[in-house]
Amino acid sequence: MRQFIGAFLLLVLVVVGGCMPASKISTDQVKAFINDVKNSKAFVKELDVQFRPTQIEIIYIVHENIDKTDRMDLLNNTKKLVNSEKFDEEVIQEDYLQKYKSEG
């Protein structure tokens, strides 16, 4: 019975956490990143950067299928953004952790 209750509570937490609305990230660095990608990559239709309690999302919507080189280029640019010290300070430390600090 304890296992059932524990599994049920875990399932409820996952469902509730997944249903939380996303918060847009709109720092100057992220805005510049979005503008740079949209201006340099004609195939990118939309680009959204947001976070939820358990993840940071960078969503690319493209006009057409893109080849492996373009996908790798987007991935490398995205890695540079999220691994930068400025992103860590402004987005993760200031926005993300401040918003979710009391939620564990």
PDB file of N, CA and C in Angstrom:
ATOM      1  N   MET A   1       0.822  -1.193   0.000  1.00  0.00           N
ATOM      2  CA  MET A   1       0.000   0.000   0.000  1.00  0.00           C
ATOM      3  C   MET A   1       0.871   1.264   0.000  1.00  0.00           C
ATOM      4  N   ARG A   2       1.956   1.253   0.781  1.00  0.00           N
ATOM      5  CA  ARG A   2       2.848   2.415   0.818  1.00  0.00           C
ATOM      6  C   ARG A   2       3.443   2.696  -0.558  1.00  0.00           C
ATOM      7  N   GLN A   3       3.809   1.636  -1.266  1.00  0.00           N
ATOM      8  CA  GLN A   3       4.383   1.808  -2.591  1.00  0.00           C
ATOM      9  C   GLN A   3       3.375   2.446  -3.537  1.00  0.00           C
ATOM     10  N   PHE A   4       2.124   2.041  -3.435  1.00  0.00           N
ATOM     11  CA  PHE A   4       1.081   2.613  -4.287  1.00  0.00           C
ATOM     12  C   PHE A   4       0.912   4.098  -3.982  1.00  0.00           C
ATOM     13  N   ILE A   5       0.866   4.456  -2.712  1.00  0.00           N
ATOM     14  CA  ILE A   5       0.707   5.866  -2.334  1.00  0.00           C
ATOM     15  C   ILE A   5       1.911   6.672  -2.795  1.00  0.00           C
ATOM     16  N   GLY A   6       3.118   6.144  -2.609  1.00  0.00           N
ATOM     17  CA  GLY A   6       4.325   6.836  -3.054  1.00  0.00           C
ATOM     18  C   GLY A   6       4.340   7.032  -4.565  1.00  0.00           C
ATOM     19  N   ALA A   7       3.971   5.999  -5.301  1.00  0.00           N
ATOM     20  CA  ALA A   7       3.937   6.102  -6.762  1.00  0.00           C
ATOM     21  C   ALA A   7       2.875   7.093  -7.208  1.00  0.00           C
ATOM     22  N   PHE A   8       1.734   7.087  -6.541  1.00  0.00           N
ATOM     23  CA  PHE A   8       0.654   8.018  -6.880  1.00  0.00           C
ATOM     24  C   PHE A   8       1.079   9.463  -6.622  1.00  0.00           C
ATOM     25  N   LEU A   9       1.711   9.720  -5.483  1.00  0.00           N
ATOM     26  CA  LEU A   9       2.170  11.073  -5.176  1.00  0.00           C
ATOM     27  C   LEU A   9       3.226  11.543  -6.179  1.00  0.00           C
ATOM     28  N   LEU A  10       4.123  10.664  -6.563  1.00  0.00           N
ATOM     29  CA  LEU A  10       5.129  11.003  -7.552  1.00  0.00           C
ATOM     30  C   LEU A  10       4.482  11.343  -8.893  1.00  0.00           C
ATOM     31  N   LEU A  11       3.495  10.561  -9.284  1.00  0.00           N
ATOM     32  CA  LEU A  11       2.778  10.823 -10.532  1.00  0.00           C
ATOM     33  C   LEU A  11       2.064  12.165 -10.484  1.00  0.00           C
ATOM     34  N   VAL A  12       1.434  12.482  -9.364  1.00  0.00           N
ATOM     35  CA  VAL A  12       0.742  13.764  -9.215  1.00  0.00           C
ATOM     36  C   VAL A  12       1.739  14.916  -9.321  1.00  0.00           C
ATOM     37  N   LEU A  13       2.897  14.796  -8.688  1.00  0.00           N
ATOM     38  CA  LEU A  13       3.907  15.857  -8.767  1.00  0.00           C
ATOM     39  C   LEU A  13       4.408  16.055 -10.190  1.00  0.00           C
ATOM     40  N   VAL A  14       4.616  14.982 -10.912  1.00  0.00           N
ATOM     41  CA  VAL A  14       5.080  15.085 -12.295  1.00  0.00           C
ATOM     42  C   VAL A  14       4.021  15.763 -13.161  1.00  0.00           C
ATOM     43  N   VAL A  15       2.773  15.379 -12.996  1.00  0.00           N
ATOM     44  CA  VAL A  15       1.696  15.963 -13.795  1.00  0.00           C
ATOM     45  C   VAL A  15       1.525  17.440 -13.465  1.00  0.00           C
ATOM     46  N   VAL A  16       1.508  17.788 -12.193  1.00  0.00           N
ATOM     47  CA  VAL A  16       1.338  19.187 -11.798  1.00  0.00           C
ATOM     48  C   VAL A  16       2.531  20.022 -12.267  1.00  0.00           C
ATOM     49  N   GLY A  17       3.721  19.512 -12.102  1.00  0.00           N
ATOM     50  CA  GLY A  17       4.921  20.243 -12.547  1.00  0.00           C
ATOM     51  C   GLY A  17       4.955  20.437 -14.045  1.00  0.00           C
ATOM     52  N   GLY A  18       4.489  19.464 -14.803  1.00  0.00           N
ATOM     53  CA  GLY A  18       4.466  19.563 -16.250  1.00  0.00           C
ATOM     54  C   GLY A  18       3.388  20.491 -16.771  1.00  0.00           C
ATOM     55  N   CYS A  19       2.396  20.783 -15.951  1.00  0.00           N
ATOM     56  CA  CYS A  19       1.297  21.638 -16.379  1.00  0.00           C
ATOM     57  C   CYS A  19       1.541  23.109 -16.065  1.00  0.00           C
ATOM     58  N   MET A  20       2.637  23.421 -15.455  1.00  0.00           N
ATOM     59  CA  MET A  20       2.936  24.808 -15.119  1.00  0.00           C
ATOM     60  C   MET A  20       3.171  25.595 -16.406  1.00  0.00           C
ATOM     61  N   PRO A  21       2.648  26.807 -16.476  1.00  0.00           N
ATOM     62  CA  PRO A  21       2.883  27.610 -17.682  1.00  0.00           C
ATOM     63  C   PRO A  21       4.350  28.030 -17.781  1.00  0.00           C
ATOM     64  N   ALA A  22       4.802  28.179 -18.996  1.00  0.00           N
ATOM     65  CA  ALA A  22       6.185  28.586 -19.234  1.00  0.00           C
ATOM     66  C   ALA A  22       6.332  30.085 -19.005  1.00  0.00           C
ATOM     67  N   SER A  23       7.507  30.495 -18.550  1.00  0.00           N
ATOM     68  CA  SER A  23       7.834  31.908 -18.373  1.00  0.00           C
ATOM     69  C   SER A  23       8.826  32.294 -19.461  1.00  0.00           C
ATOM     70  N   LYS A  24       8.495  33.324 -20.212  1.00  0.00           N
ATOM     71  CA  LYS A  24       9.397  33.789 -21.273  1.00  0.00           C
ATOM     72  C   LYS A  24      10.653  34.386 -20.663  1.00  0.00           C
ATOM     73  N   ILE A  25      11.762  34.169 -21.324  1.00  0.00           N
ATOM     74  CA  ILE A  25      13.032  34.763 -20.921  1.00  0.00           C
ATOM     75  C   ILE A  25      13.289  35.927 -21.865  1.00  0.00           C
ATOM     76  N   SER A  26      13.433  37.122 -21.304  1.00  0.00           N
ATOM     77  CA  SER A  26      13.574  38.295 -22.175  1.00  0.00           C
ATOM     78  C   SER A  26      14.713  39.209 -21.729  1.00  0.00           C
ATOM     79  N   THR A  27      15.843  38.614 -21.406  1.00  0.00           N
ATOM     80  CA  THR A  27      17.011  39.429 -21.078  1.00  0.00           C
ATOM     81  C   THR A  27      17.579  40.015 -22.367  1.00  0.00           C
ATOM     82  N   ASP A  28      18.424  41.010 -22.233  1.00  0.00           N
ATOM     83  CA  ASP A  28      19.048  41.624 -23.408  1.00  0.00           C
ATOM     84  C   ASP A  28      19.848  40.600 -24.208  1.00  0.00           C
ATOM     85  N   GLN A  29      20.550  39.720 -23.513  1.00  0.00           N
ATOM     86  CA  GLN A  29      21.346  38.698 -24.185  1.00  0.00           C
ATOM     87  C   GLN A  29      20.455  37.758 -25.002  1.00  0.00           C
ATOM     88  N   VAL A  30      19.350  37.341 -24.439  1.00  0.00           N
ATOM     89  CA  VAL A  30      18.443  36.428 -25.136  1.00  0.00           C
ATOM     90  C   VAL A  30      17.772  37.134 -26.311  1.00  0.00           C
ATOM     91  N   LYS A  31      17.375  38.376 -26.116  1.00  0.00           N
ATOM     92  CA  LYS A  31      16.781  39.148 -27.224  1.00  0.00           C
ATOM     93  C   LYS A  31      17.778  39.291 -28.368  1.00  0.00           C
ATOM     94  N   ALA A  32      19.027  39.578 -28.053  1.00  0.00           N
ATOM     95  CA  ALA A  32      20.060  39.695 -29.084  1.00  0.00           C
ATOM     96  C   ALA A  32      20.280  38.355 -29.784  1.00  0.00           C
ATOM     97  N   PHE A  33      20.270  37.267 -29.029  1.00  0.00           N
ATOM     98  CA  PHE A  33      20.424  35.927 -29.601  1.00  0.00           C
ATOM     99  C   PHE A  33      19.292  35.632 -30.578  1.00  0.00           C
ATOM    100  N   ILE A  34      18.052  35.913 -30.181  1.00  0.00           N
ATOM    101  CA  ILE A  34      16.892  35.670 -31.040  1.00  0.00           C
ATOM    102  C   ILE A  34      16.999  36.488 -32.321  1.00  0.00           C
ATOM    103  N   ASN A  35      17.315  37.774 -32.189  1.00  0.00           N
ATOM    104  CA  ASN A  35      17.452  38.625 -33.375  1.00  0.00           C
ATOM    105  C   ASN A  35      18.570  38.146 -34.289  1.00  0.00           C
ATOM    106  N   ASP A  36      19.692  37.753 -33.716  1.00  0.00           N
ATOM    107  CA  ASP A  36      20.820  37.274 -34.509  1.00  0.00           C
ATOM    108  C   ASP A  36      20.455  36.019 -35.287  1.00  0.00           C
ATOM    109  N   VAL A  37      19.804  35.062 -34.617  1.00  0.00           N
ATOM    110  CA  VAL A  37      19.434  33.816 -35.286  1.00  0.00           C
ATOM    111  C   VAL A  37      18.412  34.089 -36.391  1.00  0.00           C
ATOM    112  N   LYS A  38      17.400  34.893 -36.093  1.00  0.00           N
ATOM    113  CA  LYS A  38      16.373  35.175 -37.108  1.00  0.00           C
ATOM    114  C   LYS A  38      16.954  35.919 -38.311  1.00  0.00           C
ATOM    115  N   ASN A  39      17.918  36.805 -38.064  1.00  0.00           N
ATOM    116  CA  ASN A  39      18.523  37.563 -39.164  1.00  0.00           C
ATOM    117  C   ASN A  39      19.527  36.745 -39.972  1.00  0.00           C
ATOM    118  N   SER A  40      20.196  35.798 -39.333  1.00  0.00           N
ATOM    119  CA  SER A  40      21.231  35.045 -40.035  1.00  0.00           C
ATOM    120  C   SER A  40      20.742  33.711 -40.593  1.00  0.00           C
ATOM    121  N   LYS A  41      19.628  33.229 -40.120  1.00  0.00           N
ATOM    122  CA  LYS A  41      19.093  31.938 -40.576  1.00  0.00           C
ATOM    123  C   LYS A  41      17.693  32.149 -41.149  1.00  0.00           C
ATOM    124  N   ALA A  42      17.607  32.232 -42.461  1.00  0.00           N
ATOM    125  CA  ALA A  42      16.325  32.521 -43.120  1.00  0.00           C
ATOM    126  C   ALA A  42      15.287  31.428 -42.879  1.00  0.00           C
ATOM    127  N   PHE A  43      15.738  30.213 -42.590  1.00  0.00           N
ATOM    128  CA  PHE A  43      14.797  29.110 -42.396  1.00  0.00           C
ATOM    129  C   PHE A  43      14.128  29.115 -41.023  1.00  0.00           C
ATOM    130  N   VAL A  44      14.595  29.953 -40.090  1.00  0.00           N
ATOM    131  CA  VAL A  44      13.987  30.021 -38.758  1.00  0.00           C
ATOM    132  C   VAL A  44      12.791  30.969 -38.809  1.00  0.00           C
ATOM    133  N   LYS A  45      11.618  30.402 -38.572  1.00  0.00           N
ATOM    134  CA  LYS A  45      10.376  31.178 -38.594  1.00  0.00           C
ATOM    135  C   LYS A  45      10.130  31.827 -37.239  1.00  0.00           C
ATOM    136  N   GLU A  46      10.249  31.065 -36.190  1.00  0.00           N
ATOM    137  CA  GLU A  46      10.050  31.551 -34.827  1.00  0.00           C
ATOM    138  C   GLU A  46      11.105  30.949 -33.913  1.00  0.00           C
ATOM    139  N   LEU A  47      11.401  31.672 -32.846  1.00  0.00           N
ATOM    140  CA  LEU A  47      12.355  31.208 -31.847  1.00  0.00           C
ATOM    141  C   LEU A  47      11.851  31.682 -30.500  1.00  0.00           C
ATOM    142  N   ASP A  48      11.694  30.762 -29.577  1.00  0.00           N
ATOM    143  CA  ASP A  48      11.157  31.091 -28.265  1.00  0.00           C
ATOM    144  C   ASP A  48      12.093  30.534 -27.197  1.00  0.00           C
ATOM    145  N   VAL A  49      12.411  31.345 -26.198  1.00  0.00           N
ATOM    146  CA  VAL A  49      13.259  30.921 -25.087  1.00  0.00           C
ATOM    147  C   VAL A  49      12.439  31.115 -23.810  1.00  0.00           C
ATOM    148  N   GLN A  50      12.249  30.024 -23.068  1.00  0.00           N
ATOM    149  CA  GLN A  50      11.394  30.075 -21.887  1.00  0.00           C
ATOM    150  C   GLN A  50      11.850  29.045 -20.859  1.00  0.00           C
ATOM    151  N   PHE A  51      11.299  29.149 -19.646  1.00  0.00           N
ATOM    152  CA  PHE A  51      11.610  28.132 -18.657  1.00  0.00           C
ATOM    153  C   PHE A  51      10.361  27.714 -17.902  1.00  0.00           C
ATOM    154  N   ARG A  52      10.438  26.510 -17.376  1.00  0.00           N
ATOM    155  CA  ARG A  52       9.417  25.894 -16.527  1.00  0.00           C
ATOM    156  C   ARG A  52      10.138  25.414 -15.275  1.00  0.00           C
ATOM    157  N   PRO A  53       9.410  24.899 -14.304  1.00  0.00           N
ATOM    158  CA  PRO A  53      10.082  24.475 -13.068  1.00  0.00           C
ATOM    159  C   PRO A  53      11.207  23.462 -13.258  1.00  0.00           C
ATOM    160  N   THR A  54      11.124  22.632 -14.262  1.00  0.00           N
ATOM    161  CA  THR A  54      12.137  21.579 -14.407  1.00  0.00           C
ATOM    162  C   THR A  54      13.016  21.721 -15.635  1.00  0.00           C
ATOM    163  N   GLN A  55      12.851  22.790 -16.419  1.00  0.00           N
ATOM    164  CA  GLN A  55      13.631  22.869 -17.653  1.00  0.00           C
ATOM    165  C   GLN A  55      13.682  24.270 -18.239  1.00  0.00           C
ATOM    166  N   ILE A  56      14.688  24.480 -19.036  1.00  0.00           N
ATOM    167  CA  ILE A  56      14.790  25.688 -19.851  1.00  0.00           C
ATOM    168  C   ILE A  56      14.600  25.224 -21.284  1.00  0.00           C
ATOM    169  N   GLU A  57      13.689  25.888 -22.015  1.00  0.00           N
ATOM    170  CA  GLU A  57      13.344  25.463 -23.359  1.00  0.00           C
ATOM    171  C   GLU A  57      13.778  26.507 -24.380  1.00  0.00           C
ATOM    172  N   ILE A  58      14.382  26.048 -25.447  1.00  0.00           N
ATOM    173  CA  ILE A  58      14.680  26.898 -26.596  1.00  0.00           C
ATOM    174  C   ILE A  58      14.027  26.204 -27.775  1.00  0.00           C
ATOM    175  N   ILE A  59      12.979  26.829 -28.290  1.00  0.00           N
ATOM    176  CA  ILE A  59      12.136  26.203 -29.303  1.00  0.00           C
ATOM    177  C   ILE A  59      12.341  26.906 -30.644  1.00  0.00           C
ATOM    178  N   TYR A  60      12.754  26.132 -31.638  1.00  0.00           N
ATOM    179  CA  TYR A  60      12.924  26.629 -32.994  1.00  0.00           C
ATOM    180  C   TYR A  60      11.766  26.128 -33.846  1.00  0.00           C
ATOM    181  N   ILE A  61      11.116  27.031 -34.558  1.00  0.00           N
ATOM    182  CA  ILE A  61      10.126  26.652 -35.562  1.00  0.00           C
ATOM    183  C   ILE A  61      10.704  27.101 -36.902  1.00  0.00           C
ATOM    184  N   VAL A  62      10.847  26.132 -37.812  1.00  0.00           N
ATOM    185  CA  VAL A  62      11.491  26.423 -39.091  1.00  0.00           C
ATOM    186  C   VAL A  62      10.484  26.318 -40.233  1.00  0.00           C
ATOM    187  N   HIS A  63      10.775  27.010 -41.339  1.00  0.00           N
ATOM    188  CA  HIS A  63       9.908  27.008 -42.513  1.00  0.00           C
ATOM    189  C   HIS A  63       9.946  25.685 -43.252  1.00  0.00           C
ATOM    190  N   GLU A  64      11.054  24.994 -43.196  1.00  0.00           N
ATOM    191  CA  GLU A  64      11.263  23.807 -44.015  1.00  0.00           C
ATOM    192  C   GLU A  64      12.195  22.854 -43.289  1.00  0.00           C
ATOM    193  N   ASN A  65      12.327  21.652 -43.819  1.00  0.00           N
ATOM    194  CA  ASN A  65      13.312  20.730 -43.269  1.00  0.00           C
ATOM    195  C   ASN A  65      14.698  21.314 -43.498  1.00  0.00           C
ATOM    196  N   ILE A  66      15.549  21.159 -42.509  1.00  0.00           N
ATOM    197  CA  ILE A  66      16.898  21.700 -42.633  1.00  0.00           C
ATOM    198  C   ILE A  66      17.905  20.557 -42.584  1.00  0.00           C
ATOM    199  N   ASP A  67      19.043  20.785 -43.202  1.00  0.00           N
ATOM    200  CA  ASP A  67      20.044  19.719 -43.263  1.00  0.00           C
ATOM    201  C   ASP A  67      20.837  19.641 -41.954  1.00  0.00           C
ATOM    202  N   LYS A  68      21.652  18.630 -41.876  1.00  0.00           N
ATOM    203  CA  LYS A  68      22.415  18.360 -40.658  1.00  0.00           C
ATOM    204  C   LYS A  68      23.357  19.507 -40.305  1.00  0.00           C
ATOM    205  N   THR A  69      23.954  20.133 -41.291  1.00  0.00           N
ATOM    206  CA  THR A  69      24.879  21.244 -41.040  1.00  0.00           C
ATOM    207  C   THR A  69      24.159  22.402 -40.354  1.00  0.00           C
ATOM    208  N   ASP A  70      22.965  22.735 -40.847  1.00  0.00           N
ATOM    209  CA  ASP A  70      22.199  23.817 -40.230  1.00  0.00           C
ATOM    210  C   ASP A  70      21.744  23.452 -38.817  1.00  0.00           C
ATOM    211  N   ARG A  71      21.338  22.205 -38.619  1.00  0.00           N
ATOM    212  CA  ARG A  71      20.935  21.753 -37.275  1.00  0.00           C
ATOM    213  C   ARG A  71      22.103  21.837 -36.302  1.00  0.00           C
ATOM    214  N   MET A  72      23.276  21.414 -36.748  1.00  0.00           N
ATOM    215  CA  MET A  72      24.456  21.464 -35.887  1.00  0.00           C
ATOM    216  C   MET A  72      24.856  22.908 -35.589  1.00  0.00           C
ATOM    217  N   ASP A  73      24.696  23.780 -36.561  1.00  0.00           N
ATOM    218  CA  ASP A  73      24.999  25.193 -36.357  1.00  0.00           C
ATOM    219  C   ASP A  73      24.057  25.800 -35.307  1.00  0.00           C
ATOM    220  N   LEU A  74      22.766  25.488 -35.408  1.00  0.00           N
ATOM    221  CA  LEU A  74      21.806  25.963 -34.395  1.00  0.00           C
ATOM    222  C   LEU A  74      22.152  25.401 -33.018  1.00  0.00           C
ATOM    223  N   LEU A  75      22.487  24.127 -32.974  1.00  0.00           N
ATOM    224  CA  LEU A  75      22.845  23.496 -31.706  1.00  0.00           C
ATOM    225  C   LEU A  75      24.080  24.148 -31.094  1.00  0.00           C
ATOM    226  N   ASN A  76      25.096  24.384 -31.899  1.00  0.00           N
ATOM    227  CA  ASN A  76      26.320  25.006 -31.385  1.00  0.00           C
ATOM    228  C   ASN A  76      26.073  26.427 -30.892  1.00  0.00           C
ATOM    229  N   ASN A  77      25.274  27.199 -31.633  1.00  0.00           N
ATOM    230  CA  ASN A  77      24.938  28.554 -31.180  1.00  0.00           C
ATOM    231  C   ASN A  77      24.139  28.526 -29.880  1.00  0.00           C
ATOM    232  N   THR A  78      23.238  27.576 -29.779  1.00  0.00           N
ATOM    233  CA  THR A  78      22.429  27.438 -28.570  1.00  0.00           C
ATOM    234  C   THR A  78      23.308  27.045 -27.380  1.00  0.00           C
ATOM    235  N   LYS A  79      24.236  26.124 -27.599  1.00  0.00           N
ATOM    236  CA  LYS A  79      25.157  25.718 -26.531  1.00  0.00           C
ATOM    237  C   LYS A  79      25.998  26.894 -26.048  1.00  0.00           C
ATOM    238  N   LYS A  80      26.458  27.733 -26.990  1.00  0.00           N
ATOM    239  CA  LYS A  80      27.232  28.914 -26.601  1.00  0.00           C
ATOM    240  C   LYS A  80      26.403  29.833 -25.710  1.00  0.00           C
ATOM    241  N   LEU A  81      25.130  30.001 -26.063  1.00  0.00           N
ATOM    242  CA  LEU A  81      24.255  30.857 -25.264  1.00  0.00           C
ATOM    243  C   LEU A  81      24.082  30.309 -23.857  1.00  0.00           C
ATOM    244  N   VAL A  82      23.621  29.068 -23.741  1.00  0.00           N
ATOM    245  CA  VAL A  82      23.280  28.533 -22.419  1.00  0.00           C
ATOM    246  C   VAL A  82      24.504  28.236 -21.555  1.00  0.00           C
ATOM    247  N   ASN A  83      25.664  28.057 -22.172  1.00  0.00           N
ATOM    248  CA  ASN A  83      26.878  27.809 -21.396  1.00  0.00           C
ATOM    249  C   ASN A  83      27.628  29.088 -21.046  1.00  0.00           C
ATOM    250  N   SER A  84      27.123  30.228 -21.495  1.00  0.00           N
ATOM    251  CA  SER A  84      27.812  31.484 -21.217  1.00  0.00           C
ATOM    252  C   SER A  84      27.614  31.903 -19.758  1.00  0.00           C
ATOM    253  N   GLU A  85      28.592  32.579 -19.235  1.00  0.00           N
ATOM    254  CA  GLU A  85      28.533  33.053 -17.861  1.00  0.00           C
ATOM    255  C   GLU A  85      27.402  34.063 -17.674  1.00  0.00           C
ATOM    256  N   LYS A  86      27.191  34.903 -18.670  1.00  0.00           N
ATOM    257  CA  LYS A  86      26.134  35.911 -18.599  1.00  0.00           C
ATOM    258  C   LYS A  86      24.749  35.251 -18.521  1.00  0.00           C
ATOM    259  N   PHE A  87      24.522  34.189 -19.294  1.00  0.00           N
ATOM    260  CA  PHE A  87      23.247  33.464 -19.253  1.00  0.00           C
ATOM    261  C   PHE A  87      23.046  32.860 -17.866  1.00  0.00           C
ATOM    262  N   ASP A  88      24.101  32.288 -17.322  1.00  0.00           N
ATOM    263  CA  ASP A  88      24.022  31.702 -15.985  1.00  0.00           C
ATOM    264  C   ASP A  88      23.651  32.772 -14.957  1.00  0.00           C
ATOM    265  N   GLU A  89      24.293  33.909 -15.019  1.00  0.00           N
ATOM    266  CA  GLU A  89      24.034  34.972 -14.043  1.00  0.00           C
ATOM    267  C   GLU A  89      22.641  35.568 -14.188  1.00  0.00           C
ATOM    268  N   GLU A  90      22.285  35.966 -15.422  1.00  0.00           N
ATOM    269  CA  GLU A  90      21.038  36.692 -15.632  1.00  0.00           C
ATOM    270  C   GLU A  90      19.801  35.806 -15.655  1.00  0.00           C
ATOM    271  N   VAL A  91      19.891  34.655 -16.290  1.00  0.00           N
ATOM    272  CA  VAL A  91      18.709  33.821 -16.460  1.00  0.00           C
ATOM    273  C   VAL A  91      18.591  32.789 -15.347  1.00  0.00           C
ATOM    274  N   ILE A  92      19.631  32.003 -15.165  1.00  0.00           N
ATOM    275  CA  ILE A  92      19.530  30.910 -14.196  1.00  0.00           C
ATOM    276  C   ILE A  92      19.570  31.430 -12.764  1.00  0.00           C
ATOM    277  N   GLN A  93      20.563  32.233 -12.415  1.00  0.00           N
ATOM    278  CA  GLN A  93      20.707  32.702 -11.040  1.00  0.00           C
ATOM    279  C   GLN A  93      19.646  33.741 -10.652  1.00  0.00           C
ATOM    280  N   GLU A  94      19.398  34.707 -11.537  1.00  0.00           N
ATOM    281  CA  GLU A  94      18.474  35.782 -11.183  1.00  0.00           C
ATOM    282  C   GLU A  94      17.012  35.415 -11.424  1.00  0.00           C
ATOM    283  N   ASP A  95      16.685  34.929 -12.604  1.00  0.00           N
ATOM    284  CA  ASP A  95      15.286  34.682 -12.941  1.00  0.00           C
ATOM    285  C   ASP A  95      14.803  33.315 -12.482  1.00  0.00           C
ATOM    286  N   TYR A  96      15.441  32.261 -12.985  1.00  0.00           N
ATOM    287  CA  TYR A  96      14.971  30.899 -12.747  1.00  0.00           C
ATOM    288  C   TYR A  96      15.004  30.527 -11.261  1.00  0.00           C
ATOM    289  N   LEU A  97      16.159  30.667 -10.631  1.00  0.00           N
ATOM    290  CA  LEU A  97      16.272  30.259  -9.229  1.00  0.00           C
ATOM    291  C   LEU A  97      15.453  31.140  -8.303  1.00  0.00           C
ATOM    292  N   GLN A  98      15.314  32.424  -8.633  1.00  0.00           N
ATOM    293  CA  GLN A  98      14.498  33.302  -7.803  1.00  0.00           C
ATOM    294  C   GLN A  98      13.018  32.913  -7.899  1.00  0.00           C
ATOM    295  N   LYS A  99      12.563  32.566  -9.077  1.00  0.00           N
ATOM    296  CA  LYS A  99      11.164  32.225  -9.251  1.00  0.00           C
ATOM    297  C   LYS A  99      10.812  30.888  -8.587  1.00  0.00           C
ATOM    298  N   TYR A 100      11.706  29.931  -8.666  1.00  0.00           N
ATOM    299  CA  TYR A 100      11.411  28.585  -8.165  1.00  0.00           C
ATOM    300  C   TYR A 100      12.163  28.209  -6.899  1.00  0.00           C
ATOM    301  N   LYS A 101      12.774  29.162  -6.213  1.00  0.00           N
ATOM    302  CA  LYS A 101      13.581  28.829  -5.038  1.00  0.00           C
ATOM    303  C   LYS A 101      12.767  28.187  -3.920  1.00  0.00           C
ATOM    304  N   SER A 102      11.544  28.590  -3.721  1.00  0.00           N
ATOM    305  CA  SER A 102      10.742  28.060  -2.615  1.00  0.00           C
ATOM    306  C   SER A 102      10.033  26.776  -2.992  1.00  0.00           C
ATOM    307  N   GLU A 103      10.103  26.359  -4.246  1.00  0.00           N
ATOM    308  CA  GLU A 103       9.399  25.170  -4.679  1.00  0.00           C
ATOM    309  C   GLU A 103      10.289  23.935  -4.712  1.00  0.00           C
ATOM    310  N   GLY A 104      11.520  24.065  -4.232  1.00  0.00           N
ATOM    311  CA  GLY A 104      12.405  22.902  -4.181  1.00  0.00           C
ATOM    312  C   GLY A 104      13.068  22.687  -5.488  1.00  0.00           C
TER     313      GLY A 104
END
